[in-house]
Amino acid sequence: MFHLTILASGSSGNCALVESEGTRILIDGGLSARQMALRLEQCGVRPESIDGIVLTHEHCDHATGLDVWCKQFHTPIYCNSLTAEALRNCAAPQLKKDWRIFTTGSDFCIGDINIQSFSIPHDAADPVGYTLHCNGAALGFLTDLGFATRLACERVRQVHTLVIETNHDEKLLQNDTRRPWPVKQRIMSRHGHLSNAAAAEVVAGLLGSGLRQVVLGHLSRDCNTPELALAAVRGKLQAQGADMVVEVTCARQGEVTARQLVGLAEGSRPRVYEQATLWAN
């Protein structure tokens, strides 16, 4: 069996738990070590049982908890060399991590989970997306990218469950008075973040493959809402007659999603999972 639980997703911190029968890994570590441990506890998982933390890139909302976490639990960190270098430059000199360096575009395994990495466009040192494979099931992570390249779309074409960024609603971002125009330009650029509409186009382009579940994530606190993100993607699927084929849910910053099975049988109707709220500490 192959399962996904989103521990947190949003502009203030991102972390996801992926589990097989013999392996547990985290995708990103963008919460405090305390919050990651608390949210794992909600899932019945001990921090010591995590076999590796796999990083998409070095930004603080994806890596802020690593220093304290690694000091406590000594979990191996999997990332490419440029991401490791960026994190080493801002870490305490005496702090040692168990780095497991891979080359972007290569495959590697953690336990019985095979992980395929691929390059994505974002304003980080060497950002990557992932597909994870176990027991015939496939899970894709496609977050923090300014646009979906042909390479990225092809890499996630065969996944059963896709975690994809719906960072902002374009109108809310343009009308936001708290962000200066250069910041808005960066977010909307080809090395920024996917909008709701852009993510909807990606999902629609994957129809006809094995896709059965889509989890929307990395929503902006100020320039998006779960309702807007869900409406954009579900509306696009409905327009193509696929709203009963692909189940769309939304991960949130302060909530842990229920444990979600990856790789449903052909024709199965995905469950709708309720979410348990966890308040930040």
C-alpha atoms as a PDB file:
ATOM      1  CA  MET A   1       0.000   0.000   0.000  1.00  0.00           C
ATOM      2  CA  PHE A   2       1.106   3.556  -0.751  1.00  0.00           C
ATOM      3  CA  HIS A   3      -0.251   6.561   1.177  1.00  0.00           C
ATOM      4  CA  LEU A   4      -0.027  10.357   1.246  1.00  0.00           C
ATOM      5  CA  THR A   5      -0.720  12.732   4.134  1.00  0.00           C
ATOM      6  CA  ILE A   6      -0.205  16.474   3.769  1.00  0.00           C
ATOM      7  CA  LEU A   7       1.023  17.806   7.111  1.00  0.00           C
ATOM      8  CA  ALA A   8       0.885  21.441   5.958  1.00  0.00           C
ATOM      9  CA  SER A   9       0.718  23.315   2.683  1.00  0.00           C
ATOM     10  CA  GLY A  10       0.818  27.043   2.051  1.00  0.00           C
ATOM     11  CA  SER A  11       3.006  30.108   1.874  1.00  0.00           C
ATOM     12  CA  SER A  12       4.008  29.718   5.550  1.00  0.00           C
ATOM     13  CA  GLY A  13       5.230  26.126   5.450  1.00  0.00           C
ATOM     14  CA  ASN A  14       5.079  22.895   3.473  1.00  0.00           C
ATOM     15  CA  CYS A  15       5.574  19.278   4.513  1.00  0.00           C
ATOM     16  CA  ALA A  16       4.064  15.984   3.365  1.00  0.00           C
ATOM     17  CA  LEU A  17       4.311  12.425   4.647  1.00  0.00           C
ATOM     18  CA  VAL A  18       4.587   9.577   2.129  1.00  0.00           C
ATOM     19  CA  GLU A  19       4.321   6.001   3.412  1.00  0.00           C
ATOM     20  CA  SER A  20       4.687   2.535   1.940  1.00  0.00           C
ATOM     21  CA  GLU A  21       4.570  -0.755   3.797  1.00  0.00           C
ATOM     22  CA  GLY A  22       8.253  -0.457   4.679  1.00  0.00           C
ATOM     23  CA  THR A  23       9.249   3.196   4.248  1.00  0.00           C
ATOM     24  CA  ARG A  24       8.299   6.632   5.536  1.00  0.00           C
ATOM     25  CA  ILE A  25       9.615   9.845   4.005  1.00  0.00           C
ATOM     26  CA  LEU A  26       8.852  13.546   4.258  1.00  0.00           C
ATOM     27  CA  ILE A  27       8.650  15.779   1.215  1.00  0.00           C
ATOM     28  CA  ASP A  28      10.085  19.104   2.434  1.00  0.00           C
ATOM     29  CA  GLY A  29      10.515  20.334   5.988  1.00  0.00           C
ATOM     30  CA  GLY A  30       9.013  23.818   5.981  1.00  0.00           C
ATOM     31  CA  LEU A  31       7.551  23.727   9.499  1.00  0.00           C
ATOM     32  CA  SER A  32       9.342  24.023  12.791  1.00  0.00           C
ATOM     33  CA  ALA A  33      10.734  20.721  14.029  1.00  0.00           C
ATOM     34  CA  ARG A  34       8.214  20.857  16.875  1.00  0.00           C
ATOM     35  CA  GLN A  35       5.291  21.279  14.490  1.00  0.00           C
ATOM     36  CA  MET A  36       6.499  18.482  12.222  1.00  0.00           C
ATOM     37  CA  ALA A  37       6.744  16.148  15.225  1.00  0.00           C
ATOM     38  CA  LEU A  38       3.309  17.199  16.529  1.00  0.00           C
ATOM     39  CA  ARG A  39       1.653  16.664  13.185  1.00  0.00           C
ATOM     40  CA  LEU A  40       3.337  13.309  12.706  1.00  0.00           C
ATOM     41  CA  GLU A  41       2.053  12.355  16.136  1.00  0.00           C
ATOM     42  CA  GLN A  42      -1.468  13.118  14.894  1.00  0.00           C
ATOM     43  CA  CYS A  43      -0.791  10.519  12.181  1.00  0.00           C
ATOM     44  CA  GLY A  44       0.507   7.938  14.674  1.00  0.00           C
ATOM     45  CA  VAL A  45       4.059   8.283  13.316  1.00  0.00           C
ATOM     46  CA  ARG A  46       7.206   8.652  15.430  1.00  0.00           C
ATOM     47  CA  PRO A  47       9.798  11.124  14.105  1.00  0.00           C
ATOM     48  CA  GLU A  48      12.498   8.489  14.553  1.00  0.00           C
ATOM     49  CA  SER A  49      10.745   6.287  12.000  1.00  0.00           C
ATOM     50  CA  ILE A  50      11.216   8.768   9.124  1.00  0.00           C
ATOM     51  CA  ASP A  51      13.692   7.271   6.630  1.00  0.00           C
ATOM     52  CA  GLY A  52      14.497  10.476   4.771  1.00  0.00           C
ATOM     53  CA  ILE A  53      13.485  14.071   4.026  1.00  0.00           C
ATOM     54  CA  VAL A  54      13.330  14.855   0.299  1.00  0.00           C
ATOM     55  CA  LEU A  55      13.626  18.549  -0.599  1.00  0.00           C
ATOM     56  CA  THR A  56      12.134  20.350  -3.573  1.00  0.00           C
ATOM     57  CA  HIS A  57      14.278  23.484  -2.969  1.00  0.00           C
ATOM     58  CA  GLU A  58      15.904  25.567  -0.257  1.00  0.00           C
ATOM     59  CA  HIS A  59      13.310  28.293   0.444  1.00  0.00           C
ATOM     60  CA  CYS A  60      12.418  28.663   4.110  1.00  0.00           C
ATOM     61  CA  ASP A  61       8.786  27.580   3.678  1.00  0.00           C
ATOM     62  CA  HIS A  62      10.171  24.218   2.560  1.00  0.00           C
ATOM     63  CA  ALA A  63      13.268  23.828   4.719  1.00  0.00           C
ATOM     64  CA  THR A  64      13.051  25.970   7.840  1.00  0.00           C
ATOM     65  CA  GLY A  65      12.764  23.075  10.286  1.00  0.00           C
ATOM     66  CA  LEU A  66      15.725  21.044   9.099  1.00  0.00           C
ATOM     67  CA  ASP A  67      18.447  22.315  11.427  1.00  0.00           C
ATOM     68  CA  VAL A  68      16.619  21.509  14.668  1.00  0.00           C
ATOM     69  CA  TRP A  69      15.064  18.350  13.233  1.00  0.00           C
ATOM     70  CA  CYS A  70      18.390  16.874  12.120  1.00  0.00           C
ATOM     71  CA  LYS A  71      20.010  17.745  15.431  1.00  0.00           C
ATOM     72  CA  GLN A  72      17.287  15.756  17.207  1.00  0.00           C
ATOM     73  CA  PHE A  73      16.630  12.869  14.833  1.00  0.00           C
ATOM     74  CA  HIS A  74      19.602  12.631  12.386  1.00  0.00           C
ATOM     75  CA  THR A  75      17.308  11.940   9.418  1.00  0.00           C
ATOM     76  CA  PRO A  76      19.069  11.790   5.999  1.00  0.00           C
ATOM     77  CA  ILE A  77      18.388  14.772   3.741  1.00  0.00           C
ATOM     78  CA  TYR A  78      17.949  14.075   0.015  1.00  0.00           C
ATOM     79  CA  CYS A  79      18.504  16.982  -2.376  1.00  0.00           C
ATOM     80  CA  ASN A  80      20.661  18.112  -5.278  1.00  0.00           C
ATOM     81  CA  SER A  81      24.052  19.755  -4.757  1.00  0.00           C
ATOM     82  CA  LEU A  82      22.963  23.367  -5.339  1.00  0.00           C
ATOM     83  CA  THR A  83      20.120  23.048  -2.839  1.00  0.00           C
ATOM     84  CA  ALA A  84      22.502  21.536  -0.284  1.00  0.00           C
ATOM     85  CA  GLU A  85      25.020  24.319  -0.875  1.00  0.00           C
ATOM     86  CA  ALA A  86      22.363  27.008  -0.369  1.00  0.00           C
ATOM     87  CA  LEU A  87      21.256  25.404   2.893  1.00  0.00           C
ATOM     88  CA  ARG A  88      24.830  24.891   4.135  1.00  0.00           C
ATOM     89  CA  ASN A  89      25.545  28.587   3.613  1.00  0.00           C
ATOM     90  CA  CYS A  90      22.783  29.639   5.993  1.00  0.00           C
ATOM     91  CA  ALA A  91      23.181  26.871   8.617  1.00  0.00           C
ATOM     92  CA  ALA A  92      25.137  27.005  11.833  1.00  0.00           C
ATOM     93  CA  PRO A  93      28.760  25.961  11.060  1.00  0.00           C
ATOM     94  CA  GLN A  94      28.805  23.235  13.703  1.00  0.00           C
ATOM     95  CA  LEU A  95      25.571  21.614  12.538  1.00  0.00           C
ATOM     96  CA  LYS A  96      26.125  18.354  10.674  1.00  0.00           C
ATOM     97  CA  LYS A  97      23.552  16.780   8.400  1.00  0.00           C
ATOM     98  CA  ASP A  98      23.473  13.428   6.649  1.00  0.00           C
ATOM     99  CA  TRP A  99      23.337  14.728   3.077  1.00  0.00           C
ATOM    100  CA  ARG A 100      22.299  12.309   0.317  1.00  0.00           C
ATOM    101  CA  ILE A 101      23.057  14.217  -2.866  1.00  0.00           C
ATOM    102  CA  PHE A 102      21.475  13.338  -6.213  1.00  0.00           C
ATOM    103  CA  THR A 103      21.753  14.855  -9.667  1.00  0.00           C
ATOM    104  CA  THR A 104      18.617  16.591 -10.905  1.00  0.00           C
ATOM    105  CA  GLY A 105      16.950  14.314 -13.447  1.00  0.00           C
ATOM    106  CA  SER A 106      18.181  11.123 -11.812  1.00  0.00           C
ATOM    107  CA  ASP A 107      16.274   8.387  -9.991  1.00  0.00           C
ATOM    108  CA  PHE A 108      17.007   7.085  -6.513  1.00  0.00           C
ATOM    109  CA  CYS A 109      15.369   4.858  -3.934  1.00  0.00           C
ATOM    110  CA  ILE A 110      14.531   5.246  -0.275  1.00  0.00           C
ATOM    111  CA  GLY A 111      13.538   1.819   0.962  1.00  0.00           C
ATOM    112  CA  ASP A 112      10.895   0.427  -1.373  1.00  0.00           C
ATOM    113  CA  ILE A 113       9.944   3.842  -2.828  1.00  0.00           C
ATOM    114  CA  ASN A 114      11.526   4.781  -6.171  1.00  0.00           C
ATOM    115  CA  ILE A 115      11.833   8.549  -6.657  1.00  0.00           C
ATOM    116  CA  GLN A 116      12.279  10.280  -9.999  1.00  0.00           C
ATOM    117  CA  SER A 117      13.441  13.898  -9.978  1.00  0.00           C
ATOM    118  CA  PHE A 118      13.039  16.519 -12.691  1.00  0.00           C
ATOM    119  CA  SER A 119      13.827  20.200 -13.093  1.00  0.00           C
ATOM    120  CA  ILE A 120      11.132  22.861 -12.696  1.00  0.00           C
ATOM    121  CA  PRO A 121      11.284  26.665 -13.216  1.00  0.00           C
ATOM    122  CA  HIS A 122      11.305  28.625  -9.945  1.00  0.00           C
ATOM    123  CA  ASP A 123      13.484  31.330  -8.390  1.00  0.00           C
ATOM    124  CA  ALA A 124      15.597  28.916  -6.347  1.00  0.00           C
ATOM    125  CA  ALA A 125      19.062  27.402  -6.769  1.00  0.00           C
ATOM    126  CA  ASP A 126      17.980  24.179  -8.513  1.00  0.00           C
ATOM    127  CA  PRO A 127      14.285  23.434  -7.815  1.00  0.00           C
ATOM    128  CA  VAL A 128      12.860  20.014  -8.611  1.00  0.00           C
ATOM    129  CA  GLY A 129       9.594  18.144  -8.899  1.00  0.00           C
ATOM    130  CA  TYR A 130       9.168  14.469  -8.105  1.00  0.00           C
ATOM    131  CA  THR A 131       7.275  11.364  -9.007  1.00  0.00           C
ATOM    132  CA  LEU A 132       7.277   8.575  -6.437  1.00  0.00           C
ATOM    133  CA  HIS A 133       6.531   4.965  -7.330  1.00  0.00           C
ATOM    134  CA  CYS A 134       5.728   1.979  -5.147  1.00  0.00           C
ATOM    135  CA  ASN A 135       3.844  -1.279  -5.803  1.00  0.00           C
ATOM    136  CA  GLY A 136       2.474  -0.052  -9.130  1.00  0.00           C
ATOM    137  CA  ALA A 137       1.135   3.223  -7.696  1.00  0.00           C
ATOM    138  CA  ALA A 138       2.518   6.650  -8.622  1.00  0.00           C
ATOM    139  CA  LEU A 139       2.424  10.001  -6.833  1.00  0.00           C
ATOM    140  CA  GLY A 140       3.526  13.345  -8.275  1.00  0.00           C
ATOM    141  CA  PHE A 141       4.693  16.572  -6.602  1.00  0.00           C
ATOM    142  CA  LEU A 142       4.507  19.669  -8.780  1.00  0.00           C
ATOM    143  CA  THR A 143       4.761  22.777  -6.607  1.00  0.00           C
ATOM    144  CA  ASP A 144       6.632  26.089  -6.659  1.00  0.00           C
ATOM    145  CA  LEU A 145       6.956  26.609 -10.385  1.00  0.00           C
ATOM    146  CA  GLY A 146       6.239  29.593 -12.563  1.00  0.00           C
ATOM    147  CA  PHE A 147       4.866  27.514 -15.418  1.00  0.00           C
ATOM    148  CA  ALA A 148       4.461  23.851 -16.218  1.00  0.00           C
ATOM    149  CA  THR A 149       7.122  22.896 -18.729  1.00  0.00           C
ATOM    150  CA  ARG A 150       6.632  20.082 -21.219  1.00  0.00           C
ATOM    151  CA  LEU A 151       9.150  18.053 -19.223  1.00  0.00           C
ATOM    152  CA  ALA A 152       7.214  18.512 -15.979  1.00  0.00           C
ATOM    153  CA  CYS A 153       3.904  17.582 -17.580  1.00  0.00           C
ATOM    154  CA  GLU A 154       5.378  14.468 -19.152  1.00  0.00           C
ATOM    155  CA  ARG A 155       6.961  13.370 -15.880  1.00  0.00           C
ATOM    156  CA  VAL A 156       3.638  13.492 -14.016  1.00  0.00           C
ATOM    157  CA  ARG A 157       1.522  12.145 -16.859  1.00  0.00           C
ATOM    158  CA  GLN A 158       1.253   8.631 -15.441  1.00  0.00           C
ATOM    159  CA  VAL A 159       0.694   9.455 -11.770  1.00  0.00           C
ATOM    160  CA  HIS A 160      -2.477   8.396  -9.993  1.00  0.00           C
ATOM    161  CA  THR A 161      -2.333  11.178  -7.407  1.00  0.00           C
ATOM    162  CA  LEU A 162      -0.913  14.639  -8.104  1.00  0.00           C
ATOM    163  CA  VAL A 163      -0.046  17.356  -5.595  1.00  0.00           C
ATOM    164  CA  ILE A 164      -0.018  20.605  -7.577  1.00  0.00           C
ATOM    165  CA  GLU A 165       0.419  24.237  -6.657  1.00  0.00           C
ATOM    166  CA  THR A 166      -2.541  26.622  -6.892  1.00  0.00           C
ATOM    167  CA  ASN A 167      -0.753  29.576  -5.376  1.00  0.00           C
ATOM    168  CA  HIS A 168      -2.912  32.546  -6.296  1.00  0.00           C
ATOM    169  CA  ASP A 169      -6.030  33.873  -7.921  1.00  0.00           C
ATOM    170  CA  GLU A 170      -4.838  36.286 -10.584  1.00  0.00           C
ATOM    171  CA  LYS A 171      -7.373  39.013  -9.793  1.00  0.00           C
ATOM    172  CA  LEU A 172      -6.724  38.879  -6.056  1.00  0.00           C
ATOM    173  CA  LEU A 173      -2.985  39.119  -6.653  1.00  0.00           C
ATOM    174  CA  GLN A 174      -3.302  42.066  -9.039  1.00  0.00           C
ATOM    175  CA  ASN A 175      -5.598  43.900  -6.616  1.00  0.00           C
ATOM    176  CA  ASP A 176      -3.513  43.194  -3.522  1.00  0.00           C
ATOM    177  CA  THR A 177      -2.375  46.495  -2.009  1.00  0.00           C
ATOM    178  CA  ARG A 178       0.153  44.931   0.382  1.00  0.00           C
ATOM    179  CA  ARG A 179       2.491  43.601  -2.287  1.00  0.00           C
ATOM    180  CA  PRO A 180       4.605  46.003  -4.374  1.00  0.00           C
ATOM    181  CA  TRP A 181       4.477  45.594  -8.122  1.00  0.00           C
ATOM    182  CA  PRO A 182       7.944  43.954  -8.415  1.00  0.00           C
ATOM    183  CA  VAL A 183       6.815  41.214  -6.005  1.00  0.00           C
ATOM    184  CA  LYS A 184       3.664  40.648  -8.041  1.00  0.00           C
ATOM    185  CA  GLN A 185       5.757  40.444 -11.192  1.00  0.00           C
ATOM    186  CA  ARG A 186       8.008  37.831  -9.591  1.00  0.00           C
ATOM    187  CA  ILE A 187       5.040  35.709  -8.490  1.00  0.00           C
ATOM    188  CA  MET A 188       3.445  35.870 -11.950  1.00  0.00           C
ATOM    189  CA  SER A 189       6.722  35.300 -13.800  1.00  0.00           C
ATOM    190  CA  ARG A 190       7.941  32.096 -15.415  1.00  0.00           C
ATOM    191  CA  HIS A 191      10.041  31.484 -12.298  1.00  0.00           C
ATOM    192  CA  GLY A 192       7.288  32.315  -9.824  1.00  0.00           C
ATOM    193  CA  HIS A 193       4.172  30.380  -8.873  1.00  0.00           C
ATOM    194  CA  LEU A 194       1.243  28.690 -10.622  1.00  0.00           C
ATOM    195  CA  SER A 195      -2.104  30.467 -10.526  1.00  0.00           C
ATOM    196  CA  ASN A 196      -5.392  28.626 -10.078  1.00  0.00           C
ATOM    197  CA  ALA A 197      -6.098  28.919 -13.795  1.00  0.00           C
ATOM    198  CA  ALA A 198      -2.634  27.682 -14.786  1.00  0.00           C
ATOM    199  CA  ALA A 199      -2.910  24.650 -12.500  1.00  0.00           C
ATOM    200  CA  ALA A 200      -6.357  23.881 -13.912  1.00  0.00           C
ATOM    201  CA  GLU A 201      -4.860  23.798 -17.411  1.00  0.00           C
ATOM    202  CA  VAL A 202      -2.174  21.358 -16.272  1.00  0.00           C
ATOM    203  CA  VAL A 203      -4.710  19.025 -14.674  1.00  0.00           C
ATOM    204  CA  ALA A 204      -6.937  19.149 -17.739  1.00  0.00           C
ATOM    205  CA  GLY A 205      -3.940  18.258 -19.900  1.00  0.00           C
ATOM    206  CA  LEU A 206      -3.419  15.068 -17.891  1.00  0.00           C
ATOM    207  CA  LEU A 207      -6.920  13.710 -18.508  1.00  0.00           C
ATOM    208  CA  GLY A 208      -6.984  10.314 -20.137  1.00  0.00           C
ATOM    209  CA  SER A 209      -3.959   9.108 -18.212  1.00  0.00           C
ATOM    210  CA  GLY A 210      -4.056   7.327 -14.856  1.00  0.00           C
ATOM    211  CA  LEU A 211      -4.900  10.463 -12.873  1.00  0.00           C
ATOM    212  CA  ARG A 212      -7.608   9.898 -10.254  1.00  0.00           C
ATOM    213  CA  GLN A 213      -6.826  12.329  -7.434  1.00  0.00           C
ATOM    214  CA  VAL A 214      -5.558  15.900  -7.362  1.00  0.00           C
ATOM    215  CA  VAL A 215      -4.495  17.705  -4.198  1.00  0.00           C
ATOM    216  CA  LEU A 216      -4.229  21.479  -4.528  1.00  0.00           C
ATOM    217  CA  GLY A 217      -1.560  23.118  -2.392  1.00  0.00           C
ATOM    218  CA  HIS A 218       0.715  26.040  -1.581  1.00  0.00           C
ATOM    219  CA  LEU A 219      -2.160  28.531  -1.512  1.00  0.00           C
ATOM    220  CA  SER A 220      -1.311  32.148  -0.802  1.00  0.00           C
ATOM    221  CA  ARG A 221      -2.804  33.318   2.489  1.00  0.00           C
ATOM    222  CA  ASP A 222      -3.686  36.747   1.052  1.00  0.00           C
ATOM    223  CA  CYS A 223      -4.237  36.164  -2.672  1.00  0.00           C
ATOM    224  CA  ASN A 224      -6.232  32.941  -2.777  1.00  0.00           C
ATOM    225  CA  THR A 225      -8.856  30.872  -0.996  1.00  0.00           C
ATOM    226  CA  PRO A 226      -9.551  27.125  -1.056  1.00  0.00           C
ATOM    227  CA  GLU A 227     -12.945  27.873  -2.563  1.00  0.00           C
ATOM    228  CA  LEU A 228     -11.449  29.785  -5.490  1.00  0.00           C
ATOM    229  CA  ALA A 229      -8.773  27.165  -6.126  1.00  0.00           C
ATOM    230  CA  LEU A 230     -11.243  24.284  -6.023  1.00  0.00           C
ATOM    231  CA  ALA A 231     -13.725  26.120  -8.241  1.00  0.00           C
ATOM    232  CA  ALA A 232     -11.089  26.824 -10.881  1.00  0.00           C
ATOM    233  CA  VAL A 233      -9.858  23.237 -11.161  1.00  0.00           C
ATOM    234  CA  ARG A 234     -13.213  21.531 -10.717  1.00  0.00           C
ATOM    235  CA  GLY A 235     -14.797  23.931 -13.204  1.00  0.00           C
ATOM    236  CA  LYS A 236     -12.179  23.084 -15.809  1.00  0.00           C
ATOM    237  CA  LEU A 237     -12.738  19.361 -15.278  1.00  0.00           C
ATOM    238  CA  GLN A 238     -16.505  19.760 -15.405  1.00  0.00           C
ATOM    239  CA  ALA A 239     -16.245  21.640 -18.701  1.00  0.00           C
ATOM    240  CA  GLN A 240     -14.444  18.609 -20.119  1.00  0.00           C
ATOM    241  CA  GLY A 241     -16.831  16.082 -18.582  1.00  0.00           C
ATOM    242  CA  ALA A 242     -14.179  14.707 -16.233  1.00  0.00           C
ATOM    243  CA  ASP A 243     -15.393  15.943 -12.852  1.00  0.00           C
ATOM    244  CA  MET A 244     -16.588  12.426 -11.948  1.00  0.00           C
ATOM    245  CA  VAL A 245     -13.272  10.877 -12.987  1.00  0.00           C
ATOM    246  CA  VAL A 246     -10.817  12.977 -10.977  1.00  0.00           C
ATOM    247  CA  GLU A 247     -11.396  13.873  -7.323  1.00  0.00           C
ATOM    248  CA  VAL A 248     -10.043  17.303  -6.362  1.00  0.00           C
ATOM    249  CA  THR A 249      -9.299  18.291  -2.769  1.00  0.00           C
ATOM    250  CA  CYS A 250      -7.376  21.143  -1.192  1.00  0.00           C
ATOM    251  CA  ALA A 251      -4.570  20.975   1.375  1.00  0.00           C
ATOM    252  CA  ARG A 252      -4.317  23.848   3.825  1.00  0.00           C
ATOM    253  CA  GLN A 253      -1.768  25.537   6.011  1.00  0.00           C
ATOM    254  CA  GLY A 254      -3.213  24.725   9.425  1.00  0.00           C
ATOM    255  CA  GLU A 255      -4.631  21.282   8.734  1.00  0.00           C
ATOM    256  CA  VAL A 256      -3.416  17.728   8.385  1.00  0.00           C
ATOM    257  CA  THR A 257      -5.239  15.796   5.694  1.00  0.00           C
ATOM    258  CA  ALA A 258      -6.444  12.281   6.323  1.00  0.00           C
ATOM    259  CA  ARG A 259      -4.200   9.466   5.139  1.00  0.00           C
ATOM    260  CA  GLN A 260      -4.924   9.087   1.435  1.00  0.00           C
ATOM    261  CA  LEU A 261      -4.435   5.961  -0.626  1.00  0.00           C
ATOM    262  CA  VAL A 262      -2.392   6.447  -3.796  1.00  0.00           C
ATOM    263  CA  GLY A 263      -3.239   4.309  -6.804  1.00  0.00           C
ATOM    264  CA  LEU A 264      -6.927   3.562  -6.898  1.00  0.00           C
ATOM    265  CA  ALA A 265      -8.185   0.789  -9.124  1.00  0.00           C
ATOM    266  CA  GLU A 266      -9.429   1.815 -12.554  1.00  0.00           C
ATOM    267  CA  GLY A 267     -12.957   3.188 -12.322  1.00  0.00           C
ATOM    268  CA  SER A 268     -12.940   3.531  -8.537  1.00  0.00           C
ATOM    269  CA  ARG A 269     -14.495   6.645  -7.071  1.00  0.00           C
ATOM    270  CA  PRO A 270     -12.009   8.365  -4.746  1.00  0.00           C
ATOM    271  CA  ARG A 271     -13.059   9.064  -1.204  1.00  0.00           C
ATOM    272  CA  VAL A 272     -13.571  12.600   0.047  1.00  0.00           C
ATOM    273  CA  TYR A 273     -11.448  12.968   3.163  1.00  0.00           C
ATOM    274  CA  GLU A 274     -12.296  15.130   6.130  1.00  0.00           C
ATOM    275  CA  GLN A 275      -9.478  17.179   7.589  1.00  0.00           C
ATOM    276  CA  ALA A 276      -8.471  17.671  11.231  1.00  0.00           C
ATOM    277  CA  THR A 277      -7.431  21.151  12.249  1.00  0.00           C
ATOM    278  CA  LEU A 278      -4.110  21.734  14.029  1.00  0.00           C
ATOM    279  CA  TRP A 279      -3.407  25.198  15.363  1.00  0.00           C
ATOM    280  CA  ALA A 280       0.107  26.559  14.983  1.00  0.00           C
ATOM    281  CA  ASN A 281       2.327  26.619  18.050  1.00  0.00           C
END
